[in-house]
Amino acid sequence: MTTAIVYILAAIAEIAGCFSFWAWLRLEKSPVWIAPGMVSLAAFAWLLTRVDSEAAGRAYAAYGAVYICASLSWLWAVEGTRPDRWDTLGAAVCLVGAGIILLGPRSVAV
């Protein structure tokens, strides 16, 4: 599985898991919402271990940009609020940063 696909699936799992808790606590939904949320968050954590990176922190840092973009997509698709130009610009900057973090050349430690 490619890194991009893993990050996209991880973002979906994380947002769905977090939203289940949001629905329970903020939208006063049934506590039953917690169970699928926990499964979703476990899937998110497992998916991040599939990223081809020598360091977990680097994989997590780069994932952050994908999460931001996915959150803005959720904002639009689920909450009905269209991201504005500042949201879009900020997400683009984050994606460029993620690319630098994940794909930048690394020097060999001596």
PDB file of N, CA and C in Angstrom:
ATOM      1  N   MET A   1       0.853  -1.173   0.000  1.00  0.00           N
ATOM      2  CA  MET A   1       0.000   0.000   0.000  1.00  0.00           C
ATOM      3  C   MET A   1       0.899   1.236   0.000  1.00  0.00           C
ATOM      4  N   THR A   2       0.602   2.197  -0.862  1.00  0.00           N
ATOM      5  CA  THR A   2       1.432   3.391  -0.936  1.00  0.00           C
ATOM      6  C   THR A   2       1.198   4.293   0.276  1.00  0.00           C
ATOM      7  N   THR A   3       2.184   5.127   0.547  1.00  0.00           N
ATOM      8  CA  THR A   3       2.092   6.036   1.685  1.00  0.00           C
ATOM      9  C   THR A   3       0.878   6.944   1.571  1.00  0.00           C
ATOM     10  N   ALA A   4       0.604   7.461   0.376  1.00  0.00           N
ATOM     11  CA  ALA A   4      -0.539   8.360   0.207  1.00  0.00           C
ATOM     12  C   ALA A   4      -1.853   7.662   0.562  1.00  0.00           C
ATOM     13  N   ILE A   5      -2.012   6.427   0.115  1.00  0.00           N
ATOM     14  CA  ILE A   5      -3.242   5.686   0.420  1.00  0.00           C
ATOM     15  C   ILE A   5      -3.349   5.407   1.911  1.00  0.00           C
ATOM     16  N   VAL A   6      -2.231   5.020   2.537  1.00  0.00           N
ATOM     17  CA  VAL A   6      -2.233   4.768   3.981  1.00  0.00           C
ATOM     18  C   VAL A   6      -2.628   6.028   4.730  1.00  0.00           C
ATOM     19  N   TYR A   7      -2.047   7.164   4.353  1.00  0.00           N
ATOM     20  CA  TYR A   7      -2.370   8.421   5.026  1.00  0.00           C
ATOM     21  C   TYR A   7      -3.845   8.792   4.848  1.00  0.00           C
ATOM     22  N   ILE A   8      -4.377   8.602   3.674  1.00  0.00           N
ATOM     23  CA  ILE A   8      -5.790   8.919   3.432  1.00  0.00           C
ATOM     24  C   ILE A   8      -6.696   8.019   4.270  1.00  0.00           C
ATOM     25  N   LEU A   9      -6.404   6.726   4.278  1.00  0.00           N
ATOM     26  CA  LEU A   9      -7.207   5.797   5.095  1.00  0.00           C
ATOM     27  C   LEU A   9      -7.072   6.112   6.587  1.00  0.00           C
ATOM     28  N   ALA A  10      -5.856   6.463   7.012  1.00  0.00           N
ATOM     29  CA  ALA A  10      -5.634   6.815   8.421  1.00  0.00           C
ATOM     30  C   ALA A  10      -6.432   8.064   8.793  1.00  0.00           C
ATOM     31  N   ALA A  11      -6.443   9.035   7.902  1.00  0.00           N
ATOM     32  CA  ALA A  11      -7.196  10.266   8.178  1.00  0.00           C
ATOM     33  C   ALA A  11      -8.688   9.989   8.302  1.00  0.00           C
ATOM     34  N   ILE A  12      -9.210   9.174   7.409  1.00  0.00           N
ATOM     35  CA  ILE A  12     -10.629   8.821   7.485  1.00  0.00           C
ATOM     36  C   ILE A  12     -10.926   8.110   8.802  1.00  0.00           C
ATOM     37  N   ALA A  13     -10.070   7.172   9.165  1.00  0.00           N
ATOM     38  CA  ALA A  13     -10.276   6.434  10.416  1.00  0.00           C
ATOM     39  C   ALA A  13     -10.180   7.358  11.627  1.00  0.00           C
ATOM     40  N   GLU A  14      -9.197   8.251  11.627  1.00  0.00           N
ATOM     41  CA  GLU A  14      -9.037   9.145  12.778  1.00  0.00           C
ATOM     42  C   GLU A  14     -10.211  10.114  12.904  1.00  0.00           C
ATOM     43  N   ILE A  15     -10.602  10.710  11.807  1.00  0.00           N
ATOM     44  CA  ILE A  15     -11.702  11.673  11.857  1.00  0.00           C
ATOM     45  C   ILE A  15     -13.001  10.981  12.252  1.00  0.00           C
ATOM     46  N   ALA A  16     -13.255   9.810  11.687  1.00  0.00           N
ATOM     47  CA  ALA A  16     -14.472   9.075  12.049  1.00  0.00           C
ATOM     48  C   ALA A  16     -14.464   8.703  13.530  1.00  0.00           C
ATOM     49  N   GLY A  17     -13.310   8.262  14.029  1.00  0.00           N
ATOM     50  CA  GLY A  17     -13.205   7.903  15.442  1.00  0.00           C
ATOM     51  C   GLY A  17     -13.410   9.095  16.361  1.00  0.00           C
ATOM     52  N   CYS A  18     -12.773  10.196  16.020  1.00  0.00           N
ATOM     53  CA  CYS A  18     -12.924  11.399  16.843  1.00  0.00           C
ATOM     54  C   CYS A  18     -14.345  11.955  16.754  1.00  0.00           C
ATOM     55  N   PHE A  19     -14.935  11.885  15.558  1.00  0.00           N
ATOM     56  CA  PHE A  19     -16.298  12.388  15.410  1.00  0.00           C
ATOM     57  C   PHE A  19     -17.292  11.574  16.224  1.00  0.00           C
ATOM     58  N   SER A  20     -17.035  10.280  16.388  1.00  0.00           N
ATOM     59  CA  SER A  20     -17.956   9.469  17.182  1.00  0.00           C
ATOM     60  C   SER A  20     -18.005   9.967  18.627  1.00  0.00           C
ATOM     61  N   PHE A  21     -16.844  10.367  19.156  1.00  0.00           N
ATOM     62  CA  PHE A  21     -16.826  10.928  20.507  1.00  0.00           C
ATOM     63  C   PHE A  21     -17.477  12.315  20.529  1.00  0.00           C
ATOM     64  N   TRP A  22     -17.231  13.097  19.486  1.00  0.00           N
ATOM     65  CA  TRP A  22     -17.856  14.412  19.360  1.00  0.00           C
ATOM     66  C   TRP A  22     -19.376  14.254  19.351  1.00  0.00           C
ATOM     67  N   ALA A  23     -19.860  13.294  18.561  1.00  0.00           N
ATOM     68  CA  ALA A  23     -21.310  13.067  18.473  1.00  0.00           C
ATOM     69  C   ALA A  23     -21.889  12.690  19.828  1.00  0.00           C
ATOM     70  N   TRP A  24     -21.182  11.834  20.537  1.00  0.00           N
ATOM     71  CA  TRP A  24     -21.659  11.401  21.856  1.00  0.00           C
ATOM     72  C   TRP A  24     -21.674  12.560  22.848  1.00  0.00           C
ATOM     73  N   LEU A  25     -20.560  13.275  22.939  1.00  0.00           N
ATOM     74  CA  LEU A  25     -20.446  14.307  23.973  1.00  0.00           C
ATOM     75  C   LEU A  25     -21.059  15.653  23.586  1.00  0.00           C
ATOM     76  N   ARG A  26     -20.922  16.050  22.338  1.00  0.00           N
ATOM     77  CA  ARG A  26     -21.368  17.381  21.950  1.00  0.00           C
ATOM     78  C   ARG A  26     -22.732  17.394  21.271  1.00  0.00           C
ATOM     79  N   LEU A  27     -23.058  16.297  20.593  1.00  0.00           N
ATOM     80  CA  LEU A  27     -24.344  16.235  19.898  1.00  0.00           C
ATOM     81  C   LEU A  27     -25.366  15.390  20.648  1.00  0.00           C
ATOM     82  N   GLU A  28     -24.966  14.934  21.836  1.00  0.00           N
ATOM     83  CA  GLU A  28     -25.829  14.168  22.728  1.00  0.00           C
ATOM     84  C   GLU A  28     -26.386  12.897  22.084  1.00  0.00           C
ATOM     85  N   LYS A  29     -25.520  12.220  21.303  1.00  0.00           N
ATOM     86  CA  LYS A  29     -25.894  10.931  20.717  1.00  0.00           C
ATOM     87  C   LYS A  29     -25.691   9.835  21.760  1.00  0.00           C
ATOM     88  N   SER A  30     -26.155   8.664  21.461  1.00  0.00           N
ATOM     89  CA  SER A  30     -26.056   7.516  22.365  1.00  0.00           C
ATOM     90  C   SER A  30     -24.594   7.154  22.642  1.00  0.00           C
ATOM     91  N   PRO A  31     -24.295   6.662  23.846  1.00  0.00           N
ATOM     92  CA  PRO A  31     -22.938   6.187  24.142  1.00  0.00           C
ATOM     93  C   PRO A  31     -22.513   5.023  23.245  1.00  0.00           C
ATOM     94  N   VAL A  32     -23.442   4.425  22.546  1.00  0.00           N
ATOM     95  CA  VAL A  32     -23.122   3.347  21.602  1.00  0.00           C
ATOM     96  C   VAL A  32     -22.166   3.857  20.517  1.00  0.00           C
ATOM     97  N   TRP A  33     -22.172   5.140  20.261  1.00  0.00           N
ATOM     98  CA  TRP A  33     -21.280   5.734  19.271  1.00  0.00           C
ATOM     99  C   TRP A  33     -19.805   5.536  19.640  1.00  0.00           C
ATOM    100  N   ILE A  34     -19.509   5.299  20.914  1.00  0.00           N
ATOM    101  CA  ILE A  34     -18.116   5.165  21.363  1.00  0.00           C
ATOM    102  C   ILE A  34     -17.452   3.909  20.794  1.00  0.00           C
ATOM    103  N   ALA A  35     -18.168   2.791  20.736  1.00  0.00           N
ATOM    104  CA  ALA A  35     -17.562   1.521  20.291  1.00  0.00           C
ATOM    105  C   ALA A  35     -16.995   1.602  18.878  1.00  0.00           C
ATOM    106  N   PRO A  36     -17.759   2.036  17.871  1.00  0.00           N
ATOM    107  CA  PRO A  36     -17.151   2.128  16.543  1.00  0.00           C
ATOM    108  C   PRO A  36     -16.042   3.178  16.495  1.00  0.00           C
ATOM    109  N   GLY A  37     -16.170   4.195  17.328  1.00  0.00           N
ATOM    110  CA  GLY A  37     -15.117   5.206  17.385  1.00  0.00           C
ATOM    111  C   GLY A  37     -13.805   4.635  17.869  1.00  0.00           C
ATOM    112  N   MET A  38     -13.864   3.783  18.867  1.00  0.00           N
ATOM    113  CA  MET A  38     -12.642   3.167  19.385  1.00  0.00           C
ATOM    114  C   MET A  38     -12.024   2.224  18.355  1.00  0.00           C
ATOM    115  N   VAL A  39     -12.849   1.482  17.658  1.00  0.00           N
ATOM    116  CA  VAL A  39     -12.348   0.594  16.600  1.00  0.00           C
ATOM    117  C   VAL A  39     -11.689   1.427  15.501  1.00  0.00           C
ATOM    118  N   SER A  40     -12.328   2.505  15.148  1.00  0.00           N
ATOM    119  CA  SER A  40     -11.799   3.383  14.110  1.00  0.00           C
ATOM    120  C   SER A  40     -10.455   3.989  14.527  1.00  0.00           C
ATOM    121  N   LEU A  41     -10.342   4.408  15.775  1.00  0.00           N
ATOM    122  CA  LEU A  41      -9.080   4.981  16.252  1.00  0.00           C
ATOM    123  C   LEU A  41      -7.976   3.929  16.326  1.00  0.00           C
ATOM    124  N   ALA A  42      -8.332   2.694  16.650  1.00  0.00           N
ATOM    125  CA  ALA A  42      -7.341   1.613  16.637  1.00  0.00           C
ATOM    126  C   ALA A  42      -6.872   1.354  15.204  1.00  0.00           C
ATOM    127  N   ALA A  43      -7.787   1.390  14.251  1.00  0.00           N
ATOM    128  CA  ALA A  43      -7.419   1.211  12.844  1.00  0.00           C
ATOM    129  C   ALA A  43      -6.500   2.334  12.388  1.00  0.00           C
ATOM    130  N   PHE A  44      -6.786   3.545  12.826  1.00  0.00           N
ATOM    131  CA  PHE A  44      -5.927   4.702  12.516  1.00  0.00           C
ATOM    132  C   PHE A  44      -4.496   4.455  13.003  1.00  0.00           C
ATOM    133  N   ALA A  45      -4.352   4.033  14.244  1.00  0.00           N
ATOM    134  CA  ALA A  45      -3.012   3.794  14.802  1.00  0.00           C
ATOM    135  C   ALA A  45      -2.291   2.685  14.044  1.00  0.00           C
ATOM    136  N   TRP A  46      -3.018   1.619  13.722  1.00  0.00           N
ATOM    137  CA  TRP A  46      -2.416   0.511  12.986  1.00  0.00           C
ATOM    138  C   TRP A  46      -1.972   0.972  11.596  1.00  0.00           C
ATOM    139  N   LEU A  47      -2.821   1.754  10.925  1.00  0.00           N
ATOM    140  CA  LEU A  47      -2.489   2.220   9.578  1.00  0.00           C
ATOM    141  C   LEU A  47      -1.202   3.036   9.564  1.00  0.00           C
ATOM    142  N   LEU A  48      -0.994   3.874  10.561  1.00  0.00           N
ATOM    143  CA  LEU A  48       0.226   4.682  10.572  1.00  0.00           C
ATOM    144  C   LEU A  48       1.489   3.829  10.690  1.00  0.00           C
ATOM    145  N   THR A  49       1.369   2.625  11.218  1.00  0.00           N
ATOM    146  CA  THR A  49       2.540   1.745  11.284  1.00  0.00           C
ATOM    147  C   THR A  49       2.881   1.176   9.907  1.00  0.00           C
ATOM    148  N   ARG A  50       2.003   1.341   8.939  1.00  0.00           N
ATOM    149  CA  ARG A  50       2.229   0.828   7.577  1.00  0.00           C
ATOM    150  C   ARG A  50       3.021   1.799   6.718  1.00  0.00           C
ATOM    151  N   VAL A  51       3.271   3.009   7.210  1.00  0.00           N
ATOM    152  CA  VAL A  51       4.003   4.016   6.442  1.00  0.00           C
ATOM    153  C   VAL A  51       5.473   3.626   6.364  1.00  0.00           C
ATOM    154  N   ASP A  52       6.027   3.734   5.162  1.00  0.00           N
ATOM    155  CA  ASP A  52       7.429   3.395   4.947  1.00  0.00           C
ATOM    156  C   ASP A  52       8.302   4.575   5.381  1.00  0.00           C
ATOM    157  N   SER A  53       8.693   4.559   6.637  1.00  0.00           N
ATOM    158  CA  SER A  53       9.542   5.603   7.204  1.00  0.00           C
ATOM    159  C   SER A  53      10.416   4.976   8.273  1.00  0.00           C
ATOM    160  N   GLU A  54      11.654   5.479   8.375  1.00  0.00           N
ATOM    161  CA  GLU A  54      12.569   4.946   9.383  1.00  0.00           C
ATOM    162  C   GLU A  54      12.232   5.434  10.789  1.00  0.00           C
ATOM    163  N   ALA A  55      11.487   6.527  10.875  1.00  0.00           N
ATOM    164  CA  ALA A  55      11.198   7.122  12.180  1.00  0.00           C
ATOM    165  C   ALA A  55       9.707   7.401  12.317  1.00  0.00           C
ATOM    166  N   ALA A  56       9.137   6.952  13.404  1.00  0.00           N
ATOM    167  CA  ALA A  56       7.712   7.153  13.642  1.00  0.00           C
ATOM    168  C   ALA A  56       7.355   8.635  13.670  1.00  0.00           C
ATOM    169  N   GLY A  57       8.156   9.425  14.353  1.00  0.00           N
ATOM    170  CA  GLY A  57       7.868  10.854  14.464  1.00  0.00           C
ATOM    171  C   GLY A  57       7.793  11.548  13.124  1.00  0.00           C
ATOM    172  N   ARG A  58       8.663  11.155  12.202  1.00  0.00           N
ATOM    173  CA  ARG A  58       8.647  11.745  10.866  1.00  0.00           C
ATOM    174  C   ARG A  58       7.376  11.333  10.125  1.00  0.00           C
ATOM    175  N   ALA A  59       6.995  10.084  10.241  1.00  0.00           N
ATOM    176  CA  ALA A  59       5.765   9.610   9.599  1.00  0.00           C
ATOM    177  C   ALA A  59       4.555  10.340  10.171  1.00  0.00           C
ATOM    178  N   TYR A  60       4.530  10.537  11.482  1.00  0.00           N
ATOM    179  CA  TYR A  60       3.403  11.224  12.125  1.00  0.00           C
ATOM    180  C   TYR A  60       3.365  12.694  11.728  1.00  0.00           C
ATOM    181  N   ALA A  61       4.516  13.333  11.647  1.00  0.00           N
ATOM    182  CA  ALA A  61       4.574  14.752  11.281  1.00  0.00           C
ATOM    183  C   ALA A  61       4.046  14.968   9.869  1.00  0.00           C
ATOM    184  N   ALA A  62       4.478  14.123   8.941  1.00  0.00           N
ATOM    185  CA  ALA A  62       4.013  14.250   7.563  1.00  0.00           C
ATOM    186  C   ALA A  62       2.518  13.951   7.473  1.00  0.00           C
ATOM    187  N   TYR A  63       2.052  13.006   8.256  1.00  0.00           N
ATOM    188  CA  TYR A  63       0.625  12.666   8.269  1.00  0.00           C
ATOM    189  C   TYR A  63      -0.233  13.863   8.682  1.00  0.00           C
ATOM    190  N   GLY A  64       0.305  14.710   9.512  1.00  0.00           N
ATOM    191  CA  GLY A  64      -0.448  15.858   9.997  1.00  0.00           C
ATOM    192  C   GLY A  64      -1.053  16.691   8.873  1.00  0.00           C
ATOM    193  N   ALA A  65      -0.328  16.864   7.795  1.00  0.00           N
ATOM    194  CA  ALA A  65      -0.839  17.643   6.663  1.00  0.00           C
ATOM    195  C   ALA A  65      -2.022  16.942   6.002  1.00  0.00           C
ATOM    196  N   VAL A  66      -1.932  15.639   5.870  1.00  0.00           N
ATOM    197  CA  VAL A  66      -3.037  14.884   5.274  1.00  0.00           C
ATOM    198  C   VAL A  66      -4.260  14.994   6.172  1.00  0.00           C
ATOM    199  N   TYR A  67      -4.042  14.939   7.489  1.00  0.00           N
ATOM    200  CA  TYR A  67      -5.143  15.075   8.437  1.00  0.00           C
ATOM    201  C   TYR A  67      -5.818  16.439   8.283  1.00  0.00           C
ATOM    202  N   ILE A  68      -5.033  17.481   8.117  1.00  0.00           N
ATOM    203  CA  ILE A  68      -5.589  18.823   7.950  1.00  0.00           C
ATOM    204  C   ILE A  68      -6.465  18.881   6.701  1.00  0.00           C
ATOM    205  N   CYS A  69      -5.974  18.346   5.599  1.00  0.00           N
ATOM    206  CA  CYS A  69      -6.757  18.339   4.355  1.00  0.00           C
ATOM    207  C   CYS A  69      -8.027  17.499   4.507  1.00  0.00           C
ATOM    208  N   ALA A  70      -7.903  16.354   5.144  1.00  0.00           N
ATOM    209  CA  ALA A  70      -9.074  15.497   5.352  1.00  0.00           C
ATOM    210  C   ALA A  70     -10.087  16.179   6.271  1.00  0.00           C
ATOM    211  N   SER A  71      -9.607  16.892   7.262  1.00  0.00           N
ATOM    212  CA  SER A  71     -10.512  17.607   8.169  1.00  0.00           C
ATOM    213  C   SER A  71     -11.289  18.685   7.431  1.00  0.00           C
ATOM    214  N   LEU A  72     -10.621  19.377   6.531  1.00  0.00           N
ATOM    215  CA  LEU A  72     -11.317  20.404   5.747  1.00  0.00           C
ATOM    216  C   LEU A  72     -12.323  19.764   4.782  1.00  0.00           C
ATOM    217  N   SER A  73     -11.999  18.589   4.266  1.00  0.00           N
ATOM    218  CA  SER A  73     -12.957  17.857   3.428  1.00  0.00           C
ATOM    219  C   SER A  73     -14.170  17.443   4.254  1.00  0.00           C
ATOM    220  N   TRP A  74     -13.923  16.987   5.476  1.00  0.00           N
ATOM    221  CA  TRP A  74     -15.007  16.617   6.397  1.00  0.00           C
ATOM    222  C   TRP A  74     -15.878  17.848   6.693  1.00  0.00           C
ATOM    223  N   LEU A  75     -15.227  18.974   6.929  1.00  0.00           N
ATOM    224  CA  LEU A  75     -15.931  20.226   7.194  1.00  0.00           C
ATOM    225  C   LEU A  75     -16.942  20.512   6.086  1.00  0.00           C
ATOM    226  N   TRP A  76     -16.505  20.300   4.858  1.00  0.00           N
ATOM    227  CA  TRP A  76     -17.355  20.595   3.706  1.00  0.00           C
ATOM    228  C   TRP A  76     -18.399  19.502   3.481  1.00  0.00           C
ATOM    229  N   ALA A  77     -17.957  18.244   3.453  1.00  0.00           N
ATOM    230  CA  ALA A  77     -18.853  17.132   3.096  1.00  0.00           C
ATOM    231  C   ALA A  77     -19.863  16.797   4.186  1.00  0.00           C
ATOM    232  N   VAL A  78     -19.439  16.827   5.442  1.00  0.00           N
ATOM    233  CA  VAL A  78     -20.308  16.382   6.533  1.00  0.00           C
ATOM    234  C   VAL A  78     -20.969  17.551   7.253  1.00  0.00           C
ATOM    235  N   GLU A  79     -20.202  18.603   7.489  1.00  0.00           N
ATOM    236  CA  GLU A  79     -20.747  19.725   8.255  1.00  0.00           C
ATOM    237  C   GLU A  79     -21.352  20.821   7.378  1.00  0.00           C
ATOM    238  N   GLY A  80     -21.162  20.708   6.063  1.00  0.00           N
ATOM    239  CA  GLY A  80     -21.792  21.644   5.148  1.00  0.00           C
ATOM    240  C   GLY A  80     -21.180  23.030   5.117  1.00  0.00           C
ATOM    241  N   THR A  81     -19.947  23.176   5.598  1.00  0.00           N
ATOM    242  CA  THR A  81     -19.271  24.465   5.574  1.00  0.00           C
ATOM    243  C   THR A  81     -18.111  24.388   4.592  1.00  0.00           C
ATOM    244  N   ARG A  82     -18.197  25.175   3.545  1.00  0.00           N
ATOM    245  CA  ARG A  82     -17.162  25.139   2.513  1.00  0.00           C
ATOM    246  C   ARG A  82     -15.895  25.834   3.016  1.00  0.00           C
ATOM    247  N   PRO A  83     -14.735  25.166   2.890  1.00  0.00           N
ATOM    248  CA  PRO A  83     -13.473  25.812   3.280  1.00  0.00           C
ATOM    249  C   PRO A  83     -13.242  27.077   2.444  1.00  0.00           C
ATOM    250  N   ASP A  84     -12.707  28.108   3.080  1.00  0.00           N
ATOM    251  CA  ASP A  84     -12.437  29.344   2.349  1.00  0.00           C
ATOM    252  C   ASP A  84     -11.014  29.328   1.785  1.00  0.00           C
ATOM    253  N   ARG A  85     -10.619  30.409   1.160  1.00  0.00           N
ATOM    254  CA  ARG A  85      -9.299  30.450   0.510  1.00  0.00           C
ATOM    255  C   ARG A  85      -8.165  30.307   1.504  1.00  0.00           C
ATOM    256  N   TRP A  86      -8.360  30.768   2.735  1.00  0.00           N
ATOM    257  CA  TRP A  86      -7.312  30.661   3.749  1.00  0.00           C
ATOM    258  C   TRP A  86      -7.170  29.214   4.220  1.00  0.00           C
ATOM    259  N   ASP A  87      -8.280  28.521   4.320  1.00  0.00           N
ATOM    260  CA  ASP A  87      -8.231  27.092   4.641  1.00  0.00           C
ATOM    261  C   ASP A  87      -7.451  26.347   3.557  1.00  0.00           C
ATOM    262  N   THR A  88      -7.782  26.660   2.306  1.00  0.00           N
ATOM    263  CA  THR A  88      -7.156  25.984   1.168  1.00  0.00           C
ATOM    264  C   THR A  88      -5.665  26.305   1.087  1.00  0.00           C
ATOM    265  N   LEU A  89      -5.316  27.559   1.264  1.00  0.00           N
ATOM    266  CA  LEU A  89      -3.906  27.948   1.245  1.00  0.00           C
ATOM    267  C   LEU A  89      -3.135  27.285   2.375  1.00  0.00           C
ATOM    268  N   GLY A  90      -3.702  27.303   3.559  1.00  0.00           N
ATOM    269  CA  GLY A  90      -3.048  26.671   4.704  1.00  0.00           C
ATOM    270  C   GLY A  90      -2.834  25.185   4.495  1.00  0.00           C
ATOM    271  N   ALA A  91      -3.830  24.508   3.928  1.00  0.00           N
ATOM    272  CA  ALA A  91      -3.702  23.079   3.652  1.00  0.00           C
ATOM    273  C   ALA A  91      -2.611  22.826   2.618  1.00  0.00           C
ATOM    274  N   ALA A  92      -2.540  23.665   1.599  1.00  0.00           N
ATOM    275  CA  ALA A  92      -1.506  23.501   0.573  1.00  0.00           C
ATOM    276  C   ALA A  92      -0.111  23.674   1.168  1.00  0.00           C
ATOM    277  N   VAL A  93       0.053  24.669   2.023  1.00  0.00           N
ATOM    278  CA  VAL A  93       1.343  24.885   2.687  1.00  0.00           C
ATOM    279  C   VAL A  93       1.710  23.662   3.522  1.00  0.00           C
ATOM    280  N   CYS A  94       0.735  23.108   4.221  1.00  0.00           N
ATOM    281  CA  CYS A  94       0.986  21.916   5.037  1.00  0.00           C
ATOM    282  C   CYS A  94       1.414  20.730   4.185  1.00  0.00           C
ATOM    283  N   LEU A  95       0.773  20.543   3.035  1.00  0.00           N
ATOM    284  CA  LEU A  95       1.141  19.434   2.157  1.00  0.00           C
ATOM    285  C   LEU A  95       2.558  19.584   1.619  1.00  0.00           C
ATOM    286  N   VAL A  96       2.931  20.805   1.279  1.00  0.00           N
ATOM    287  CA  VAL A  96       4.313  21.035   0.836  1.00  0.00           C
ATOM    288  C   VAL A  96       5.274  20.696   1.969  1.00  0.00           C
ATOM    289  N   GLY A  97       4.961  21.139   3.173  1.00  0.00           N
ATOM    290  CA  GLY A  97       5.798  20.817   4.332  1.00  0.00           C
ATOM    291  C   GLY A  97       5.888  19.326   4.583  1.00  0.00           C
ATOM    292  N   ALA A  98       4.777  18.625   4.436  1.00  0.00           N
ATOM    293  CA  ALA A  98       4.778  17.175   4.632  1.00  0.00           C
ATOM    294  C   ALA A  98       5.677  16.497   3.608  1.00  0.00           C
ATOM    295  N   GLY A  99       5.618  16.965   2.377  1.00  0.00           N
ATOM    296  CA  GLY A  99       6.482  16.409   1.344  1.00  0.00           C
ATOM    297  C   GLY A  99       7.947  16.603   1.666  1.00  0.00           C
ATOM    298  N   ILE A 100       8.285  17.773   2.172  1.00  0.00           N
ATOM    299  CA  ILE A 100       9.671  18.045   2.561  1.00  0.00           C
ATOM    300  C   ILE A 100      10.088  17.124   3.702  1.00  0.00           C
ATOM    301  N   ILE A 101       9.238  16.971   4.692  1.00  0.00           N
ATOM    302  CA  ILE A 101       9.553  16.119   5.850  1.00  0.00           C
ATOM    303  C   ILE A 101       9.743  14.670   5.424  1.00  0.00           C
ATOM    304  N   LEU A 102       8.827  14.167   4.641  1.00  0.00           N
ATOM    305  CA  LEU A 102       8.837  12.743   4.309  1.00  0.00           C
ATOM    306  C   LEU A 102       9.827  12.388   3.204  1.00  0.00           C
ATOM    307  N   LEU A 103       9.998  13.259   2.233  1.00  0.00           N
ATOM    308  CA  LEU A 103      10.787  12.931   1.059  1.00  0.00           C
ATOM    309  C   LEU A 103      12.147  13.620   0.974  1.00  0.00           C
ATOM    310  N   GLY A 104      12.415  14.509   1.907  1.00  0.00           N
ATOM    311  CA  GLY A 104      13.687  15.232   1.881  1.00  0.00           C
ATOM    312  C   GLY A 104      14.879  14.293   2.005  1.00  0.00           C
ATOM    313  N   PRO A 105      16.002  14.653   1.358  1.00  0.00           N
ATOM    314  CA  PRO A 105      17.195  13.801   1.457  1.00  0.00           C
ATOM    315  C   PRO A 105      17.728  13.777   2.886  1.00  0.00           C
ATOM    316  N   ARG A 106      18.168  12.626   3.301  1.00  0.00           N
ATOM    317  CA  ARG A 106      18.686  12.447   4.646  1.00  0.00           C
ATOM    318  C   ARG A 106      20.170  12.141   4.575  1.00  0.00           C
ATOM    319  N   SER A 107      20.924  12.724   5.487  1.00  0.00           N
ATOM    320  CA  SER A 107      22.350  12.402   5.541  1.00  0.00           C
ATOM    321  C   SER A 107      22.518  11.143   6.381  1.00  0.00           C
ATOM    322  N   VAL A 108      23.539  10.390   6.078  1.00  0.00           N
ATOM    323  CA  VAL A 108      23.819   9.166   6.789  1.00  0.00           C
ATOM    324  C   VAL A 108      24.559   9.507   8.070  1.00  0.00           C
ATOM    325  N   ALA A 109      24.045   9.010   9.205  1.00  0.00           N
ATOM    326  CA  ALA A 109      24.695   9.266  10.498  1.00  0.00           C
ATOM    327  C   ALA A 109      25.991   8.470  10.578  1.00  0.00           C
ATOM    328  N   VAL A 110      27.009   9.110  11.118  1.00  0.00           N
ATOM    329  CA  VAL A 110      28.310   8.449  11.248  1.00  0.00           C
ATOM    330  C   VAL A 110      28.472   7.853  12.614  1.00  0.00           C
TER     331      VAL A 110
END
